[in-house]
N, C-alpha and C. Protein backbone atom coordinates (compact mmCIF):
# COMPACT_ATOMS: atom_id res chain seq x y z
N MET A 1 24.94 -42.45 -15.48
CA MET A 1 25.93 -43.49 -15.60
C MET A 1 25.95 -44.30 -14.32
N ALA A 2 26.34 -45.54 -14.42
CA ALA A 2 26.40 -46.42 -13.27
C ALA A 2 27.60 -46.06 -12.40
N THR A 3 27.40 -46.19 -11.10
CA THR A 3 28.48 -45.97 -10.14
C THR A 3 29.19 -47.29 -9.91
N VAL A 4 30.51 -47.24 -9.87
CA VAL A 4 31.31 -48.43 -9.66
C VAL A 4 31.73 -48.47 -8.20
N LYS A 5 31.58 -49.61 -7.54
CA LYS A 5 32.04 -49.75 -6.16
C LYS A 5 32.48 -51.18 -5.92
N LYS A 6 33.67 -51.29 -5.38
CA LYS A 6 34.18 -52.58 -4.93
C LYS A 6 34.41 -52.45 -3.44
N GLU A 7 34.46 -53.57 -2.76
CA GLU A 7 34.73 -53.53 -1.34
C GLU A 7 36.08 -52.83 -1.10
N ASN A 8 36.11 -51.93 -0.13
CA ASN A 8 37.32 -51.16 0.21
C ASN A 8 37.81 -50.32 -0.96
N SER A 9 36.90 -49.84 -1.78
CA SER A 9 37.31 -48.99 -2.89
C SER A 9 36.48 -47.72 -2.89
N ILE A 10 36.76 -46.88 -3.85
CA ILE A 10 36.12 -45.58 -3.96
C ILE A 10 34.92 -45.66 -4.89
N ASP A 11 33.81 -45.04 -4.46
CA ASP A 11 32.66 -44.87 -5.36
C ASP A 11 33.04 -43.82 -6.40
N PHE A 12 32.78 -44.11 -7.65
CA PHE A 12 33.01 -43.13 -8.70
C PHE A 12 32.17 -43.48 -9.91
N SER A 13 31.99 -42.48 -10.76
CA SER A 13 31.28 -42.72 -12.01
C SER A 13 31.94 -41.90 -13.11
N LEU A 14 31.84 -42.40 -14.31
CA LEU A 14 32.35 -41.71 -15.49
C LEU A 14 31.27 -40.74 -15.95
N LYS A 15 31.56 -39.44 -15.87
CA LYS A 15 30.57 -38.42 -16.18
C LYS A 15 30.59 -37.97 -17.64
N ARG A 16 31.82 -37.80 -18.18
CA ARG A 16 31.94 -37.31 -19.55
C ARG A 16 33.21 -37.85 -20.19
N ILE A 17 33.16 -37.90 -21.51
CA ILE A 17 34.33 -38.23 -22.33
C ILE A 17 34.45 -37.12 -23.37
N GLU A 18 35.64 -36.55 -23.47
CA GLU A 18 35.83 -35.44 -24.40
C GLU A 18 37.02 -35.69 -25.31
N LEU A 19 36.85 -35.36 -26.58
CA LEU A 19 37.96 -35.33 -27.53
C LEU A 19 38.51 -33.92 -27.48
N LEU A 20 39.72 -33.75 -26.93
CA LEU A 20 40.30 -32.42 -26.75
C LEU A 20 40.98 -31.92 -28.01
N SER A 21 41.73 -32.82 -28.68
CA SER A 21 42.37 -32.43 -29.93
C SER A 21 42.63 -33.68 -30.77
N PHE A 22 42.76 -33.44 -32.07
CA PHE A 22 42.97 -34.53 -33.02
C PHE A 22 43.62 -33.94 -34.25
N ASN A 23 44.81 -34.42 -34.60
CA ASN A 23 45.52 -33.89 -35.75
C ASN A 23 46.16 -35.01 -36.56
N LEU A 24 46.10 -34.87 -37.86
CA LEU A 24 46.80 -35.77 -38.77
C LEU A 24 47.85 -34.96 -39.52
N THR A 25 49.04 -35.53 -39.65
CA THR A 25 50.10 -34.91 -40.43
C THR A 25 50.46 -35.90 -41.51
N HIS A 26 49.91 -35.72 -42.68
CA HIS A 26 50.10 -36.69 -43.75
C HIS A 26 51.58 -36.79 -44.10
N PRO A 27 52.11 -38.01 -44.11
CA PRO A 27 53.53 -38.18 -44.43
C PRO A 27 53.82 -37.80 -45.88
N VAL A 28 55.04 -37.37 -46.12
CA VAL A 28 55.47 -36.98 -47.47
C VAL A 28 55.43 -38.19 -48.39
N GLU A 29 55.89 -39.33 -47.87
CA GLU A 29 55.90 -40.56 -48.68
C GLU A 29 54.51 -41.16 -48.72
N ASN A 30 54.21 -41.84 -49.79
CA ASN A 30 52.93 -42.54 -49.90
C ASN A 30 53.04 -44.01 -49.52
N SER A 31 54.15 -44.42 -48.97
CA SER A 31 54.33 -45.83 -48.61
C SER A 31 53.89 -46.05 -47.16
N HIS A 32 52.64 -45.75 -46.86
CA HIS A 32 52.16 -45.89 -45.49
C HIS A 32 51.32 -47.16 -45.29
N ASN A 33 51.43 -48.10 -46.19
CA ASN A 33 50.68 -49.35 -46.02
C ASN A 33 51.28 -50.24 -44.94
N ASN A 34 52.59 -50.23 -44.80
CA ASN A 34 53.24 -51.11 -43.83
C ASN A 34 54.00 -50.33 -42.77
N ILE A 35 53.43 -49.26 -42.28
CA ILE A 35 54.08 -48.44 -41.26
C ILE A 35 54.07 -49.18 -39.93
N THR A 36 55.20 -49.15 -39.25
CA THR A 36 55.25 -49.57 -37.86
C THR A 36 55.16 -48.30 -37.03
N PHE A 37 54.21 -48.25 -36.13
CA PHE A 37 53.93 -47.02 -35.39
C PHE A 37 54.62 -47.03 -34.03
N ASN A 38 55.05 -45.85 -33.62
CA ASN A 38 55.54 -45.62 -32.27
C ASN A 38 54.58 -44.64 -31.61
N PHE A 39 54.30 -44.88 -30.34
CA PHE A 39 53.35 -44.05 -29.59
C PHE A 39 54.06 -43.39 -28.43
N ASP A 40 53.92 -42.10 -28.31
CA ASP A 40 54.40 -41.36 -27.14
C ASP A 40 53.15 -41.03 -26.34
N ILE A 41 53.00 -41.68 -25.18
CA ILE A 41 51.76 -41.61 -24.41
C ILE A 41 52.01 -40.88 -23.09
N ARG A 42 51.14 -39.92 -22.80
CA ARG A 42 51.22 -39.19 -21.54
C ARG A 42 49.85 -39.21 -20.86
N SER A 43 49.89 -39.34 -19.55
CA SER A 43 48.67 -39.29 -18.75
C SER A 43 48.83 -38.20 -17.70
N GLU A 44 47.80 -37.36 -17.59
CA GLU A 44 47.83 -36.28 -16.61
C GLU A 44 46.50 -36.29 -15.85
N ILE A 45 46.59 -36.15 -14.54
CA ILE A 45 45.38 -36.13 -13.72
C ILE A 45 45.22 -34.72 -13.16
N LYS A 46 44.01 -34.17 -13.37
CA LYS A 46 43.68 -32.84 -12.83
C LYS A 46 42.45 -32.99 -11.95
N LEU A 47 42.35 -32.10 -10.97
CA LEU A 47 41.23 -32.13 -10.04
C LEU A 47 40.38 -30.88 -10.22
N ASN A 48 39.06 -31.07 -10.16
CA ASN A 48 38.12 -29.96 -10.11
C ASN A 48 37.47 -30.04 -8.74
N LYS A 49 38.01 -29.28 -7.80
CA LYS A 49 37.58 -29.38 -6.40
C LYS A 49 36.14 -28.93 -6.20
N GLU A 50 35.71 -27.91 -6.94
CA GLU A 50 34.36 -27.38 -6.77
C GLU A 50 33.30 -28.41 -7.16
N GLN A 51 33.54 -29.15 -8.24
CA GLN A 51 32.55 -30.11 -8.73
C GLN A 51 32.86 -31.54 -8.32
N LYS A 52 33.95 -31.74 -7.54
CA LYS A 52 34.36 -33.07 -7.06
C LYS A 52 34.60 -34.02 -8.23
N LEU A 53 35.39 -33.51 -9.21
CA LEU A 53 35.69 -34.27 -10.41
C LEU A 53 37.17 -34.54 -10.52
N ILE A 54 37.49 -35.65 -11.17
CA ILE A 54 38.86 -35.98 -11.53
C ILE A 54 38.90 -36.09 -13.05
N LEU A 55 39.82 -35.38 -13.67
CA LEU A 55 39.99 -35.41 -15.12
C LEU A 55 41.27 -36.16 -15.44
N VAL A 56 41.15 -37.20 -16.23
CA VAL A 56 42.32 -37.93 -16.71
C VAL A 56 42.50 -37.58 -18.17
N ILE A 57 43.59 -36.88 -18.46
CA ILE A 57 43.88 -36.43 -19.82
C ILE A 57 44.94 -37.35 -20.40
N ILE A 58 44.59 -37.99 -21.50
CA ILE A 58 45.52 -38.87 -22.22
C ILE A 58 45.91 -38.16 -23.51
N SER A 59 47.22 -37.98 -23.70
CA SER A 59 47.75 -37.34 -24.91
C SER A 59 48.68 -38.33 -25.58
N ILE A 60 48.49 -38.51 -26.87
CA ILE A 60 49.28 -39.48 -27.63
C ILE A 60 49.79 -38.82 -28.90
N ASP A 61 51.10 -38.91 -29.11
CA ASP A 61 51.72 -38.52 -30.37
C ASP A 61 52.09 -39.80 -31.10
N LEU A 62 51.78 -39.87 -32.39
CA LEU A 62 52.09 -41.03 -33.21
C LEU A 62 53.23 -40.71 -34.15
N PHE A 63 54.22 -41.60 -34.19
CA PHE A 63 55.40 -41.43 -35.01
C PHE A 63 55.61 -42.65 -35.89
N ASP A 64 56.48 -42.46 -36.88
CA ASP A 64 56.90 -43.60 -37.69
C ASP A 64 57.86 -44.46 -36.86
N GLN A 65 58.34 -45.55 -37.45
CA GLN A 65 59.17 -46.51 -36.73
C GLN A 65 60.44 -45.88 -36.16
N GLU A 66 61.05 -44.97 -36.89
CA GLU A 66 62.30 -44.35 -36.45
C GLU A 66 62.06 -43.16 -35.53
N LYS A 67 60.82 -42.81 -35.30
CA LYS A 67 60.43 -41.64 -34.51
C LYS A 67 60.98 -40.35 -35.11
N THR A 68 61.08 -40.31 -36.44
CA THR A 68 61.57 -39.11 -37.11
C THR A 68 60.44 -38.27 -37.69
N ILE A 69 59.30 -38.92 -37.96
CA ILE A 69 58.17 -38.21 -38.57
C ILE A 69 56.95 -38.36 -37.66
N LYS A 70 56.42 -37.22 -37.21
CA LYS A 70 55.18 -37.24 -36.44
C LYS A 70 54.03 -37.38 -37.42
N LEU A 71 53.23 -38.42 -37.23
CA LEU A 71 52.13 -38.73 -38.14
C LEU A 71 50.79 -38.17 -37.67
N GLY A 72 50.68 -37.90 -36.38
CA GLY A 72 49.43 -37.37 -35.85
C GLY A 72 49.48 -37.33 -34.34
N ASP A 73 48.40 -36.80 -33.78
CA ASP A 73 48.28 -36.80 -32.32
C ASP A 73 46.81 -36.73 -31.94
N ILE A 74 46.54 -37.12 -30.71
CA ILE A 74 45.18 -37.10 -30.19
C ILE A 74 45.26 -36.87 -28.69
N SER A 75 44.27 -36.18 -28.17
CA SER A 75 44.20 -35.92 -26.74
C SER A 75 42.75 -36.05 -26.31
N THR A 76 42.53 -36.81 -25.24
CA THR A 76 41.18 -37.04 -24.73
C THR A 76 41.14 -36.75 -23.23
N SER A 77 39.94 -36.60 -22.74
CA SER A 77 39.74 -36.42 -21.30
C SER A 77 38.58 -37.29 -20.86
N CYS A 78 38.83 -38.09 -19.83
CA CYS A 78 37.77 -38.84 -19.17
C CYS A 78 37.54 -38.17 -17.83
N ILE A 79 36.30 -37.82 -17.56
CA ILE A 79 35.97 -37.05 -16.37
C ILE A 79 35.16 -37.94 -15.43
N PHE A 80 35.70 -38.11 -14.24
CA PHE A 80 35.11 -38.99 -13.24
C PHE A 80 34.58 -38.17 -12.07
N GLU A 81 33.41 -38.56 -11.57
CA GLU A 81 32.85 -37.94 -10.38
C GLU A 81 33.08 -38.87 -9.20
N VAL A 82 33.53 -38.28 -8.09
CA VAL A 82 33.78 -39.04 -6.86
C VAL A 82 32.94 -38.41 -5.75
N PRO A 83 31.81 -39.05 -5.39
CA PRO A 83 30.93 -38.47 -4.38
C PRO A 83 31.63 -38.19 -3.04
N ASN A 84 32.53 -39.05 -2.61
CA ASN A 84 33.25 -38.86 -1.35
C ASN A 84 34.60 -38.19 -1.56
N TYR A 85 34.65 -37.30 -2.49
CA TYR A 85 35.87 -36.59 -2.89
C TYR A 85 36.61 -35.99 -1.69
N ASP A 86 35.84 -35.40 -0.77
CA ASP A 86 36.43 -34.71 0.38
C ASP A 86 37.19 -35.64 1.31
N LEU A 87 36.92 -36.94 1.26
CA LEU A 87 37.66 -37.90 2.08
C LEU A 87 39.10 -38.08 1.59
N TYR A 88 39.34 -37.73 0.32
CA TYR A 88 40.64 -37.99 -0.30
C TYR A 88 41.41 -36.72 -0.66
N VAL A 89 40.72 -35.58 -0.62
CA VAL A 89 41.36 -34.32 -0.99
C VAL A 89 41.23 -33.35 0.19
N ASP A 90 42.36 -32.88 0.69
CA ASP A 90 42.41 -31.90 1.77
C ASP A 90 42.48 -30.52 1.13
N LEU A 91 41.35 -29.82 1.10
CA LEU A 91 41.27 -28.53 0.42
C LEU A 91 42.14 -27.48 1.08
N LYS A 92 42.30 -27.54 2.41
CA LYS A 92 43.09 -26.53 3.12
C LYS A 92 44.57 -26.65 2.82
N ASN A 93 45.08 -27.86 2.75
CA ASN A 93 46.52 -28.09 2.57
C ASN A 93 46.90 -28.55 1.17
N ASN A 94 45.93 -28.56 0.26
CA ASN A 94 46.16 -29.05 -1.11
C ASN A 94 46.73 -30.46 -1.13
N GLY A 95 46.33 -31.28 -0.18
CA GLY A 95 46.78 -32.67 -0.13
C GLY A 95 45.82 -33.59 -0.87
N VAL A 96 46.38 -34.60 -1.51
CA VAL A 96 45.58 -35.58 -2.25
C VAL A 96 46.02 -36.97 -1.81
N ASN A 97 45.04 -37.82 -1.48
CA ASN A 97 45.38 -39.14 -0.97
C ASN A 97 44.47 -40.22 -1.55
N PHE A 98 44.39 -40.28 -2.89
CA PHE A 98 43.62 -41.35 -3.52
C PHE A 98 44.45 -42.62 -3.50
N PRO A 99 43.81 -43.77 -3.24
CA PRO A 99 44.56 -45.04 -3.26
C PRO A 99 45.15 -45.32 -4.64
N GLU A 100 46.30 -45.95 -4.66
CA GLU A 100 47.00 -46.26 -5.91
C GLU A 100 46.12 -47.13 -6.82
N ASP A 101 45.39 -48.09 -6.26
CA ASP A 101 44.52 -48.95 -7.08
C ASP A 101 43.46 -48.13 -7.82
N PHE A 102 42.96 -47.09 -7.18
CA PHE A 102 41.96 -46.22 -7.81
C PHE A 102 42.58 -45.48 -8.99
N ILE A 103 43.77 -44.94 -8.80
CA ILE A 103 44.46 -44.22 -9.87
C ILE A 103 44.74 -45.16 -11.03
N ILE A 104 45.16 -46.37 -10.74
CA ILE A 104 45.41 -47.37 -11.79
C ILE A 104 44.12 -47.66 -12.55
N THR A 105 43.01 -47.79 -11.84
CA THR A 105 41.72 -48.08 -12.47
C THR A 105 41.28 -46.96 -13.40
N ILE A 106 41.36 -45.71 -12.95
CA ILE A 106 40.90 -44.62 -13.83
C ILE A 106 41.86 -44.41 -15.00
N ASN A 107 43.16 -44.68 -14.79
CA ASN A 107 44.10 -44.64 -15.92
C ASN A 107 43.75 -45.72 -16.94
N SER A 108 43.43 -46.92 -16.47
CA SER A 108 43.08 -48.02 -17.36
C SER A 108 41.82 -47.71 -18.17
N ILE A 109 40.81 -47.18 -17.51
CA ILE A 109 39.57 -46.81 -18.20
C ILE A 109 39.86 -45.75 -19.25
N SER A 110 40.67 -44.76 -18.89
CA SER A 110 40.97 -43.65 -19.80
C SER A 110 41.79 -44.10 -21.00
N LEU A 111 42.76 -44.99 -20.78
CA LEU A 111 43.56 -45.52 -21.89
C LEU A 111 42.69 -46.33 -22.84
N SER A 112 41.84 -47.19 -22.30
CA SER A 112 40.97 -48.01 -23.14
C SER A 112 39.97 -47.15 -23.92
N THR A 113 39.44 -46.14 -23.27
CA THR A 113 38.51 -45.23 -23.94
C THR A 113 39.22 -44.50 -25.07
N THR A 114 40.43 -44.05 -24.82
CA THR A 114 41.21 -43.34 -25.84
C THR A 114 41.51 -44.26 -27.02
N ARG A 115 41.78 -45.53 -26.75
CA ARG A 115 42.02 -46.50 -27.82
C ARG A 115 40.82 -46.56 -28.76
N GLY A 116 39.63 -46.60 -28.21
CA GLY A 116 38.42 -46.64 -29.02
C GLY A 116 38.21 -45.35 -29.81
N ILE A 117 38.47 -44.22 -29.17
CA ILE A 117 38.33 -42.94 -29.86
C ILE A 117 39.34 -42.85 -31.00
N MET A 118 40.57 -43.32 -30.76
CA MET A 118 41.58 -43.33 -31.82
C MET A 118 41.11 -44.14 -33.01
N PHE A 119 40.58 -45.32 -32.75
CA PHE A 119 40.13 -46.17 -33.84
C PHE A 119 39.04 -45.47 -34.65
N SER A 120 38.13 -44.83 -33.95
CA SER A 120 37.04 -44.13 -34.63
C SER A 120 37.55 -42.94 -35.44
N GLN A 121 38.44 -42.15 -34.87
CA GLN A 121 38.95 -40.95 -35.54
C GLN A 121 39.88 -41.29 -36.70
N PHE A 122 40.66 -42.35 -36.57
CA PHE A 122 41.66 -42.69 -37.58
C PHE A 122 41.10 -43.58 -38.69
N ARG A 123 39.90 -44.09 -38.52
CA ARG A 123 39.29 -44.98 -39.51
C ARG A 123 39.25 -44.29 -40.88
N GLY A 124 39.72 -45.00 -41.90
CA GLY A 124 39.70 -44.48 -43.25
C GLY A 124 40.88 -43.57 -43.59
N THR A 125 41.83 -43.43 -42.67
CA THR A 125 43.01 -42.60 -42.93
C THR A 125 44.24 -43.49 -42.96
N TYR A 126 45.39 -42.90 -43.22
CA TYR A 126 46.64 -43.65 -43.22
C TYR A 126 47.00 -44.14 -41.81
N LEU A 127 46.28 -43.69 -40.78
CA LEU A 127 46.51 -44.17 -39.42
C LEU A 127 45.49 -45.23 -38.99
N HIS A 128 44.76 -45.77 -39.96
CA HIS A 128 43.73 -46.77 -39.67
C HIS A 128 44.27 -47.93 -38.83
N ASN A 129 45.50 -48.36 -39.10
CA ASN A 129 46.08 -49.49 -38.37
C ASN A 129 46.92 -49.08 -37.17
N ALA A 130 46.85 -47.83 -36.78
CA ALA A 130 47.58 -47.34 -35.60
C ALA A 130 46.73 -47.62 -34.36
N ILE A 131 46.68 -48.87 -33.97
CA ILE A 131 45.88 -49.28 -32.82
C ILE A 131 46.77 -49.24 -31.59
N LEU A 132 46.34 -48.47 -30.61
CA LEU A 132 47.10 -48.32 -29.38
C LEU A 132 47.26 -49.69 -28.72
N PRO A 133 48.50 -50.10 -28.44
CA PRO A 133 48.70 -51.41 -27.81
C PRO A 133 48.16 -51.44 -26.39
N VAL A 134 47.97 -52.63 -25.87
CA VAL A 134 47.56 -52.79 -24.47
C VAL A 134 48.73 -52.35 -23.60
N ILE A 135 48.45 -51.47 -22.65
CA ILE A 135 49.48 -50.87 -21.82
C ILE A 135 49.14 -51.14 -20.35
N ASP A 136 50.15 -51.44 -19.58
CA ASP A 136 49.96 -51.63 -18.15
C ASP A 136 49.71 -50.26 -17.51
N PRO A 137 48.51 -50.02 -16.97
CA PRO A 137 48.23 -48.69 -16.41
C PRO A 137 49.07 -48.38 -15.18
N LYS A 138 49.70 -49.39 -14.59
CA LYS A 138 50.60 -49.15 -13.46
C LYS A 138 51.84 -48.38 -13.89
N SER A 139 52.16 -48.41 -15.18
CA SER A 139 53.35 -47.72 -15.68
C SER A 139 53.18 -46.20 -15.61
N PHE A 140 51.96 -45.73 -15.34
CA PHE A 140 51.73 -44.29 -15.22
C PHE A 140 51.73 -43.82 -13.77
N ILE A 141 52.04 -44.73 -12.85
CA ILE A 141 52.13 -44.38 -11.43
C ILE A 141 53.58 -44.02 -11.14
N ALA A 142 53.78 -42.87 -10.50
CA ALA A 142 55.15 -42.45 -10.17
C ALA A 142 55.73 -43.41 -9.13
N PRO A 143 57.00 -43.80 -9.30
CA PRO A 143 57.62 -44.70 -8.33
C PRO A 143 57.71 -44.03 -6.96
N LYS A 144 57.62 -44.86 -5.94
CA LYS A 144 57.66 -44.33 -4.56
C LYS A 144 59.09 -44.24 -4.06
C-alpha cells in the first residue's frame, strides 16, 4: 500500500481492513420501504505496540426513526502502520502523543471505509438505503 505523507505530518499506511461483525435484525413490520434510519456510531482507537499498528474500530448500530427497533449493526477495523511509531508512543510510561490532525485523518478514512463496507453488506436487504451520512471526523475527538 502507498504511504501517505504531508509536510509536518506522520508517515502511515493502511495495512488491512477487516469486517469484525455484521448482523441484520429483520423488522417485524414489512413496511421498510420508507424507513428513516438512525445511526449510533462509535469510534475506538487501539494500539499494537509490538507491530507499530493503530487499529481504528468503527461500530455502528442502525435503528428505526424512533430508535425503538434495532435493525442491524456492523463493526469494522482499519489497521494503520506508522513507521515512526516510537516518536509518538512512550512505551515506558504508556504515553501517547499523536497529533490531533492525524487522529482526525485516520478517523475520516475509517468512517469512509465503513460506509463502503456497509453499502456492500446491506445491498439487496431492507437496509439497502441505510447509507451512512457524511460525518465530521472531528466529532470523535475528545474535547480538551
